[in-house]
Amino acid sequence: MHWTRILGIALLVGGAILLWMGFSATETISEDI
């Protein structure tokens, strides 16, 4: 597997984790207020 694909997989997983963290942060009471 080429290094760019490995980097792409890492960025995709990291981005998904950040998106999950962001969406879960939007559900807090302080963010709602």
PDB file of all heavy atoms in Angstrom:
ATOM      1  N   MET A   1       0.842  -1.164   0.000  1.00  0.00           N
ATOM      2  CA  MET A   1       0.000   0.000   0.000  1.00  0.00           C
ATOM      3  C   MET A   1       0.897   1.240   0.000  1.00  0.00           C
ATOM      4  O   MET A   1       1.863   1.318   0.730  1.00  0.00           O
ATOM      5  CB  MET A   1      -0.901  -0.009   1.230  1.00  0.00           C
ATOM      6  CG  MET A   1      -1.922   1.076   1.198  1.00  0.00           C
ATOM      7  SD  MET A   1      -3.087   1.084   2.587  1.00  0.00           S
ATOM      8  CE  MET A   1      -3.981  -0.421   2.319  1.00  0.00           C
ATOM      9  N   HIS A   2       0.561   2.179  -0.825  1.00  0.00           N
ATOM     10  CA  HIS A   2       1.355   3.393  -0.978  1.00  0.00           C
ATOM     11  C   HIS A   2       1.155   4.300   0.233  1.00  0.00           C
ATOM     12  O   HIS A   2       0.103   4.315   0.860  1.00  0.00           O
ATOM     13  CB  HIS A   2       0.942   4.106  -2.265  1.00  0.00           C
ATOM     14  CG  HIS A   2       1.972   5.048  -2.769  1.00  0.00           C
ATOM     15  ND1 HIS A   2       1.935   6.377  -2.475  1.00  0.00           N
ATOM     16  CD2 HIS A   2       3.065   4.862  -3.535  1.00  0.00           C
ATOM     17  CE1 HIS A   2       2.964   6.976  -3.044  1.00  0.00           C
ATOM     18  NE2 HIS A   2       3.664   6.072  -3.703  1.00  0.00           N
ATOM     19  N   TRP A   3       2.173   5.108   0.564  1.00  0.00           N
ATOM     20  CA  TRP A   3       2.130   5.934   1.769  1.00  0.00           C
ATOM     21  C   TRP A   3       1.032   6.980   1.711  1.00  0.00           C
ATOM     22  O   TRP A   3       0.508   7.374   2.746  1.00  0.00           O
ATOM     23  CB  TRP A   3       3.492   6.572   2.036  1.00  0.00           C
ATOM     24  CG  TRP A   3       3.893   7.616   1.038  1.00  0.00           C
ATOM     25  CD1 TRP A   3       4.585   7.425  -0.114  1.00  0.00           C
ATOM     26  CD2 TRP A   3       3.595   9.010   1.095  1.00  0.00           C
ATOM     27  NE1 TRP A   3       4.740   8.606  -0.781  1.00  0.00           N
ATOM     28  CE2 TRP A   3       4.145   9.611  -0.046  1.00  0.00           C
ATOM     29  CE3 TRP A   3       2.930   9.807   2.006  1.00  0.00           C
ATOM     30  CZ2 TRP A   3       4.032  10.955  -0.322  1.00  0.00           C
ATOM     31  CZ3 TRP A   3       2.812  11.158   1.736  1.00  0.00           C
ATOM     32  CH2 TRP A   3       3.364  11.722   0.583  1.00  0.00           C
ATOM     33  N   THR A   4       0.652   7.439   0.519  1.00  0.00           N
ATOM     34  CA  THR A   4      -0.406   8.445   0.446  1.00  0.00           C
ATOM     35  C   THR A   4      -1.757   7.857   0.831  1.00  0.00           C
ATOM     36  O   THR A   4      -2.589   8.539   1.414  1.00  0.00           O
ATOM     37  CB  THR A   4      -0.490   9.065  -0.956  1.00  0.00           C
ATOM     38  OG1 THR A   4      -0.649   8.040  -1.921  1.00  0.00           O
ATOM     39  CG2 THR A   4       0.724   9.897  -1.263  1.00  0.00           C
ATOM     40  N   ARG A   5      -1.955   6.595   0.516  1.00  0.00           N
ATOM     41  CA  ARG A   5      -3.212   5.955   0.929  1.00  0.00           C
ATOM     42  C   ARG A   5      -3.252   5.738   2.433  1.00  0.00           C
ATOM     43  O   ARG A   5      -4.294   5.878   3.052  1.00  0.00           O
ATOM     44  CB  ARG A   5      -3.396   4.645   0.190  1.00  0.00           C
ATOM     45  CG  ARG A   5      -3.618   4.892  -1.275  1.00  0.00           C
ATOM     46  CD  ARG A   5      -4.319   3.796  -1.933  1.00  0.00           C
ATOM     47  NE  ARG A   5      -4.410   4.157  -3.340  1.00  0.00           N
ATOM     48  CZ  ARG A   5      -5.346   3.722  -4.118  1.00  0.00           C
ATOM     49  NH1 ARG A   5      -6.235   2.898  -3.661  1.00  0.00           N
ATOM     50  NH2 ARG A   5      -5.390   4.087  -5.379  1.00  0.00           N
ATOM     51  N   ILE A   6      -2.112   5.390   3.015  1.00  0.00           N
ATOM     52  CA  ILE A   6      -2.048   5.222   4.466  1.00  0.00           C
ATOM     53  C   ILE A   6      -2.327   6.560   5.149  1.00  0.00           C
ATOM     54  O   ILE A   6      -3.093   6.633   6.120  1.00  0.00           O
ATOM     55  CB  ILE A   6      -0.682   4.650   4.888  1.00  0.00           C
ATOM     56  CG1 ILE A   6      -0.532   3.236   4.325  1.00  0.00           C
ATOM     57  CG2 ILE A   6      -0.528   4.662   6.399  1.00  0.00           C
ATOM     58  CD1 ILE A   6       0.853   2.661   4.478  1.00  0.00           C
ATOM     59  N   LEU A   7      -1.726   7.632   4.634  1.00  0.00           N
ATOM     60  CA  LEU A   7      -1.988   8.969   5.172  1.00  0.00           C
ATOM     61  C   LEU A   7      -3.459   9.341   4.988  1.00  0.00           C
ATOM     62  O   LEU A   7      -4.083   9.928   5.883  1.00  0.00           O
ATOM     63  CB  LEU A   7      -1.085   9.994   4.489  1.00  0.00           C
ATOM     64  CG  LEU A   7      -1.251  11.442   4.931  1.00  0.00           C
ATOM     65  CD1 LEU A   7      -0.905  11.601   6.402  1.00  0.00           C
ATOM     66  CD2 LEU A   7      -0.386  12.345   4.077  1.00  0.00           C
ATOM     67  N   GLY A   8      -4.024   8.989   3.855  1.00  0.00           N
ATOM     68  CA  GLY A   8      -5.435   9.268   3.599  1.00  0.00           C
ATOM     69  C   GLY A   8      -6.348   8.551   4.571  1.00  0.00           C
ATOM     70  O   GLY A   8      -7.324   9.124   5.070  1.00  0.00           O
ATOM     71  N   ILE A   9      -6.033   7.296   4.869  1.00  0.00           N
ATOM     72  CA  ILE A   9      -6.835   6.534   5.829  1.00  0.00           C
ATOM     73  C   ILE A   9      -6.732   7.172   7.214  1.00  0.00           C
ATOM     74  O   ILE A   9      -7.735   7.325   7.923  1.00  0.00           O
ATOM     75  CB  ILE A   9      -6.391   5.065   5.858  1.00  0.00           C
ATOM     76  CG1 ILE A   9      -6.771   4.384   4.541  1.00  0.00           C
ATOM     77  CG2 ILE A   9      -7.003   4.320   7.038  1.00  0.00           C
ATOM     78  CD1 ILE A   9      -6.156   3.014   4.349  1.00  0.00           C
ATOM     79  N   ALA A  10      -5.515   7.579   7.602  1.00  0.00           N
ATOM     80  CA  ALA A  10      -5.331   8.213   8.907  1.00  0.00           C
ATOM     81  C   ALA A  10      -6.104   9.529   8.993  1.00  0.00           C
ATOM     82  O   ALA A  10      -6.749   9.817  10.010  1.00  0.00           O
ATOM     83  CB  ALA A  10      -3.847   8.439   9.167  1.00  0.00           C
ATOM     84  N   LEU A  11      -6.054  10.329   7.928  1.00  0.00           N
ATOM     85  CA  LEU A  11      -6.798  11.589   7.922  1.00  0.00           C
ATOM     86  C   LEU A  11      -8.303  11.357   7.931  1.00  0.00           C
ATOM     87  O   LEU A  11      -9.048  12.091   8.596  1.00  0.00           O
ATOM     88  CB  LEU A  11      -6.408  12.433   6.714  1.00  0.00           C
ATOM     89  CG  LEU A  11      -5.086  13.164   6.809  1.00  0.00           C
ATOM     90  CD1 LEU A  11      -4.731  13.791   5.467  1.00  0.00           C
ATOM     91  CD2 LEU A  11      -5.147  14.230   7.878  1.00  0.00           C
ATOM     92  N   LEU A  12      -8.756  10.362   7.220  1.00  0.00           N
ATOM     93  CA  LEU A  12     -10.184  10.058   7.187  1.00  0.00           C
ATOM     94  C   LEU A  12     -10.675   9.621   8.563  1.00  0.00           C
ATOM     95  O   LEU A  12     -11.710  10.088   9.038  1.00  0.00           O
ATOM     96  CB  LEU A  12     -10.472   8.984   6.139  1.00  0.00           C
ATOM     97  CG  LEU A  12     -11.937   8.659   5.885  1.00  0.00           C
ATOM     98  CD1 LEU A  12     -12.655   9.879   5.338  1.00  0.00           C
ATOM     99  CD2 LEU A  12     -12.052   7.506   4.917  1.00  0.00           C
ATOM    100  N   VAL A  13      -9.923   8.765   9.228  1.00  0.00           N
ATOM    101  CA  VAL A  13     -10.306   8.304  10.569  1.00  0.00           C
ATOM    102  C   VAL A  13     -10.236   9.459  11.566  1.00  0.00           C
ATOM    103  O   VAL A  13     -11.153   9.659  12.371  1.00  0.00           O
ATOM    104  CB  VAL A  13      -9.413   7.123  11.010  1.00  0.00           C
ATOM    105  CG1 VAL A  13      -9.615   6.804  12.473  1.00  0.00           C
ATOM    106  CG2 VAL A  13      -9.689   5.901  10.148  1.00  0.00           C
ATOM    107  N   GLY A  14      -9.149  10.236  11.505  1.00  0.00           N
ATOM    108  CA  GLY A  14      -9.029  11.388  12.390  1.00  0.00           C
ATOM    109  C   GLY A  14     -10.130  12.411  12.164  1.00  0.00           C
ATOM    110  O   GLY A  14     -10.677  12.972  13.118  1.00  0.00           O
ATOM    111  N   GLY A  15     -10.467  12.652  10.914  1.00  0.00           N
ATOM    112  CA  GLY A  15     -11.549  13.576  10.593  1.00  0.00           C
ATOM    113  C   GLY A  15     -12.897  13.082  11.091  1.00  0.00           C
ATOM    114  O   GLY A  15     -13.710  13.860  11.598  1.00  0.00           O
ATOM    115  N   ALA A  16     -13.127  11.786  10.978  1.00  0.00           N
ATOM    116  CA  ALA A  16     -14.381  11.216  11.473  1.00  0.00           C
ATOM    117  C   ALA A  16     -14.472  11.355  12.993  1.00  0.00           C
ATOM    118  O   ALA A  16     -15.542  11.663  13.533  1.00  0.00           O
ATOM    119  CB  ALA A  16     -14.490   9.751  11.063  1.00  0.00           C
ATOM    120  N   ILE A  17     -13.359  11.162  13.672  1.00  0.00           N
ATOM    121  CA  ILE A  17     -13.349  11.317  15.131  1.00  0.00           C
ATOM    122  C   ILE A  17     -13.629  12.770  15.512  1.00  0.00           C
ATOM    123  O   ILE A  17     -14.423  13.046  16.425  1.00  0.00           O
ATOM    124  CB  ILE A  17     -12.012  10.822  15.717  1.00  0.00           C
ATOM    125  CG1 ILE A  17     -11.915   9.308  15.576  1.00  0.00           C
ATOM    126  CG2 ILE A  17     -11.857  11.248  17.173  1.00  0.00           C
ATOM    127  CD1 ILE A  17     -10.551   8.732  15.898  1.00  0.00           C
ATOM    128  N   LEU A  18     -12.987  13.718  14.820  1.00  0.00           N
ATOM    129  CA  LEU A  18     -13.239  15.127  15.102  1.00  0.00           C
ATOM    130  C   LEU A  18     -14.695  15.514  14.818  1.00  0.00           C
ATOM    131  O   LEU A  18     -15.297  16.282  15.572  1.00  0.00           O
ATOM    132  CB  LEU A  18     -12.297  16.010  14.292  1.00  0.00           C
ATOM    133  CG  LEU A  18     -10.859  16.096  14.772  1.00  0.00           C
ATOM    134  CD1 LEU A  18     -10.021  16.896  13.774  1.00  0.00           C
ATOM    135  CD2 LEU A  18     -10.785  16.721  16.141  1.00  0.00           C
ATOM    136  N   LEU A  19     -15.248  14.997  13.734  1.00  0.00           N
ATOM    137  CA  LEU A  19     -16.654  15.277  13.441  1.00  0.00           C
ATOM    138  C   LEU A  19     -17.566  14.719  14.518  1.00  0.00           C
ATOM    139  O   LEU A  19     -18.525  15.374  14.945  1.00  0.00           O
ATOM    140  CB  LEU A  19     -17.040  14.704  12.070  1.00  0.00           C
ATOM    141  CG  LEU A  19     -16.606  15.507  10.866  1.00  0.00           C
ATOM    142  CD1 LEU A  19     -16.862  14.725   9.588  1.00  0.00           C
ATOM    143  CD2 LEU A  19     -17.349  16.832  10.823  1.00  0.00           C
ATOM    144  N   TRP A  20     -17.275  13.513  14.971  1.00  0.00           N
ATOM    145  CA  TRP A  20     -18.071  12.914  16.040  1.00  0.00           C
ATOM    146  C   TRP A  20     -17.988  13.760  17.306  1.00  0.00           C
ATOM    147  O   TRP A  20     -19.003  14.000  17.977  1.00  0.00           O
ATOM    148  CB  TRP A  20     -17.594  11.478  16.305  1.00  0.00           C
ATOM    149  CG  TRP A  20     -18.307  10.849  17.451  1.00  0.00           C
ATOM    150  CD1 TRP A  20     -19.571  10.348  17.465  1.00  0.00           C
ATOM    151  CD2 TRP A  20     -17.787  10.681  18.772  1.00  0.00           C
ATOM    152  NE1 TRP A  20     -19.860   9.873  18.708  1.00  0.00           N
ATOM    153  CE2 TRP A  20     -18.779  10.065  19.529  1.00  0.00           C
ATOM    154  CE3 TRP A  20     -16.566  10.989  19.364  1.00  0.00           C
ATOM    155  CZ2 TRP A  20     -18.597   9.748  20.866  1.00  0.00           C
ATOM    156  CZ3 TRP A  20     -16.387  10.673  20.693  1.00  0.00           C
ATOM    157  CH2 TRP A  20     -17.395  10.056  21.432  1.00  0.00           C
ATOM    158  N   MET A  21     -16.778  14.215  17.636  1.00  0.00           N
ATOM    159  CA  MET A  21     -16.608  15.061  18.818  1.00  0.00           C
ATOM    160  C   MET A  21     -17.368  16.374  18.659  1.00  0.00           C
ATOM    161  O   MET A  21     -17.991  16.866  19.606  1.00  0.00           O
ATOM    162  CB  MET A  21     -15.121  15.338  19.067  1.00  0.00           C
ATOM    163  CG  MET A  21     -14.350  14.139  19.558  1.00  0.00           C
ATOM    164  SD  MET A  21     -12.568  14.413  19.652  1.00  0.00           S
ATOM    165  CE  MET A  21     -12.458  15.763  20.802  1.00  0.00           C
ATOM    166  N   GLY A  22     -17.335  16.956  17.474  1.00  0.00           N
ATOM    167  CA  GLY A  22     -18.053  18.201  17.226  1.00  0.00           C
ATOM    168  C   GLY A  22     -19.555  18.035  17.314  1.00  0.00           C
ATOM    169  O   GLY A  22     -20.255  18.859  17.910  1.00  0.00           O
ATOM    170  N   PHE A  23     -20.072  16.966  16.718  1.00  0.00           N
ATOM    171  CA  PHE A  23     -21.515  16.742  16.772  1.00  0.00           C
ATOM    172  C   PHE A  23     -21.987  16.418  18.187  1.00  0.00           C
ATOM    173  O   PHE A  23     -23.071  16.836  18.589  1.00  0.00           O
ATOM    174  CB  PHE A  23     -21.940  15.639  15.805  1.00  0.00           C
ATOM    175  CG  PHE A  23     -21.992  16.087  14.379  1.00  0.00           C
ATOM    176  CD1 PHE A  23     -21.281  15.424  13.403  1.00  0.00           C
ATOM    177  CD2 PHE A  23     -22.749  17.183  13.993  1.00  0.00           C
ATOM    178  CE1 PHE A  23     -21.316  15.839  12.085  1.00  0.00           C
ATOM    179  CE2 PHE A  23     -22.800  17.610  12.684  1.00  0.00           C
ATOM    180  CZ  PHE A  23     -22.078  16.925  11.721  1.00  0.00           C
ATOM    181  N   SER A  24     -21.178  15.696  18.947  1.00  0.00           N
ATOM    182  CA  SER A  24     -21.580  15.422  20.324  1.00  0.00           C
ATOM    183  C   SER A  24     -21.482  16.683  21.179  1.00  0.00           C
ATOM    184  O   SER A  24     -22.250  16.843  22.128  1.00  0.00           O
ATOM    185  CB  SER A  24     -20.740  14.290  20.922  1.00  0.00           C
ATOM    186  OG  SER A  24     -19.396  14.667  21.034  1.00  0.00           O
ATOM    187  N   ALA A  25     -20.571  17.604  20.839  1.00  0.00           N
ATOM    188  CA  ALA A  25     -20.469  18.855  21.581  1.00  0.00           C
ATOM    189  C   ALA A  25     -21.662  19.768  21.308  1.00  0.00           C
ATOM    190  O   ALA A  25     -22.030  20.579  22.161  1.00  0.00           O
ATOM    191  CB  ALA A  25     -19.176  19.579  21.229  1.00  0.00           C
ATOM    192  N   THR A  26     -22.283  19.651  20.146  1.00  0.00           N
ATOM    193  CA  THR A  26     -23.439  20.494  19.842  1.00  0.00           C
ATOM    194  C   THR A  26     -24.658  20.114  20.664  1.00  0.00           C
ATOM    195  O   THR A  26     -25.602  20.898  20.759  1.00  0.00           O
ATOM    196  CB  THR A  26     -23.813  20.430  18.347  1.00  0.00           C
ATOM    197  OG1 THR A  26     -24.171  19.099  18.006  1.00  0.00           O
ATOM    198  CG2 THR A  26     -22.689  20.930  17.468  1.00  0.00           C
ATOM    199  N   GLU A  27     -24.640  18.943  21.258  1.00  0.00           N
ATOM    200  CA  GLU A  27     -25.785  18.467  22.026  1.00  0.00           C
ATOM    201  C   GLU A  27     -25.722  18.831  23.507  1.00  0.00           C
ATOM    202  O   GLU A  27     -26.623  18.483  24.251  1.00  0.00           O
ATOM    203  CB  GLU A  27     -25.909  16.944  21.885  1.00  0.00           C
ATOM    204  CG  GLU A  27     -26.118  16.484  20.455  1.00  0.00           C
ATOM    205  CD  GLU A  27     -27.409  16.997  19.862  1.00  0.00           C
ATOM    206  OE1 GLU A  27     -28.424  17.037  20.582  1.00  0.00           O
ATOM    207  OE2 GLU A  27     -27.399  17.375  18.674  1.00  0.00           O
ATOM    208  N   THR A  28     -24.690  19.519  23.947  1.00  0.00           N
ATOM    209  CA  THR A  28     -24.581  19.866  25.356  1.00  0.00           C
ATOM    210  C   THR A  28     -25.496  21.049  25.681  1.00  0.00           C
ATOM    211  O   THR A  28     -25.890  21.821  24.802  1.00  0.00           O
ATOM    212  CB  THR A  28     -23.131  20.227  25.728  1.00  0.00           C
ATOM    213  OG1 THR A  28     -22.725  21.363  24.968  1.00  0.00           O
ATOM    214  CG2 THR A  28     -22.188  19.065  25.471  1.00  0.00           C
ATOM    215  N   ILE A  29     -25.817  21.178  26.945  1.00  0.00           N
ATOM    216  CA  ILE A  29     -26.716  22.252  27.376  1.00  0.00           C
ATOM    217  C   ILE A  29     -26.089  23.623  27.135  1.00  0.00           C
ATOM    218  O   ILE A  29     -26.761  24.547  26.669  1.00  0.00           O
ATOM    219  CB  ILE A  29     -27.079  22.065  28.865  1.00  0.00           C
ATOM    220  CG1 ILE A  29     -27.918  20.799  29.039  1.00  0.00           C
ATOM    221  CG2 ILE A  29     -27.833  23.265  29.398  1.00  0.00           C
ATOM    222  CD1 ILE A  29     -28.175  20.409  30.470  1.00  0.00           C
ATOM    223  N   SER A  30     -24.792  23.745  27.421  1.00  0.00           N
ATOM    224  CA  SER A  30     -24.143  25.049  27.228  1.00  0.00           C
ATOM    225  C   SER A  30     -24.138  25.460  25.757  1.00  0.00           C
ATOM    226  O   SER A  30     -24.308  26.638  25.430  1.00  0.00           O
ATOM    227  CB  SER A  30     -22.724  25.027  27.786  1.00  0.00           C
ATOM    228  OG  SER A  30     -21.937  24.080  27.104  1.00  0.00           O
ATOM    229  N   GLU A  31     -23.947  24.499  24.860  1.00  0.00           N
ATOM    230  CA  GLU A  31     -23.985  24.826  23.426  1.00  0.00           C
ATOM    231  C   GLU A  31     -25.398  25.175  22.982  1.00  0.00           C
ATOM    232  O   GLU A  31     -25.589  26.038  22.127  1.00  0.00           O
ATOM    233  CB  GLU A  31     -23.440  23.669  22.591  1.00  0.00           C
ATOM    234  CG  GLU A  31     -21.941  23.533  22.623  1.00  0.00           C
ATOM    235  CD  GLU A  31     -21.211  24.676  21.934  1.00  0.00           C
ATOM    236  OE1 GLU A  31     -21.741  25.288  20.994  1.00  0.00           O
ATOM    237  OE2 GLU A  31     -20.084  24.955  22.375  1.00  0.00           O
ATOM    238  N   ASP A  32     -26.399  24.493  23.535  1.00  0.00           N
ATOM    239  CA  ASP A  32     -27.782  24.830  23.197  1.00  0.00           C
ATOM    240  C   ASP A  32     -28.119  26.253  23.621  1.00  0.00           C
ATOM    241  O   ASP A  32     -28.744  27.003  22.869  1.00  0.00           O
ATOM    242  CB  ASP A  32     -28.750  23.848  23.868  1.00  0.00           C
ATOM    243  CG  ASP A  32     -28.794  22.499  23.178  1.00  0.00           C
ATOM    244  OD1 ASP A  32     -28.399  22.425  21.994  1.00  0.00           O
ATOM    245  OD2 ASP A  32     -29.211  21.525  23.820  1.00  0.00           O
ATOM    246  N   ILE A  33     -27.689  26.630  24.823  1.00  0.00           N
ATOM    247  CA  ILE A  33     -27.960  27.985  25.302  1.00  0.00           C
ATOM    248  C   ILE A  33     -27.215  29.007  24.453  1.00  0.00           C
ATOM    249  O   ILE A  33     -27.786  30.015  24.022  1.00  0.00           O
ATOM    250  CB  ILE A  33     -27.574  28.112  26.790  1.00  0.00           C
ATOM    251  CG1 ILE A  33     -28.507  27.254  27.636  1.00  0.00           C
ATOM    252  CG2 ILE A  33     -27.604  29.568  27.239  1.00  0.00           C
ATOM    253  CD1 ILE A  33     -28.081  27.110  29.074  1.00  0.00           C
TER     254      ILE A  33
END
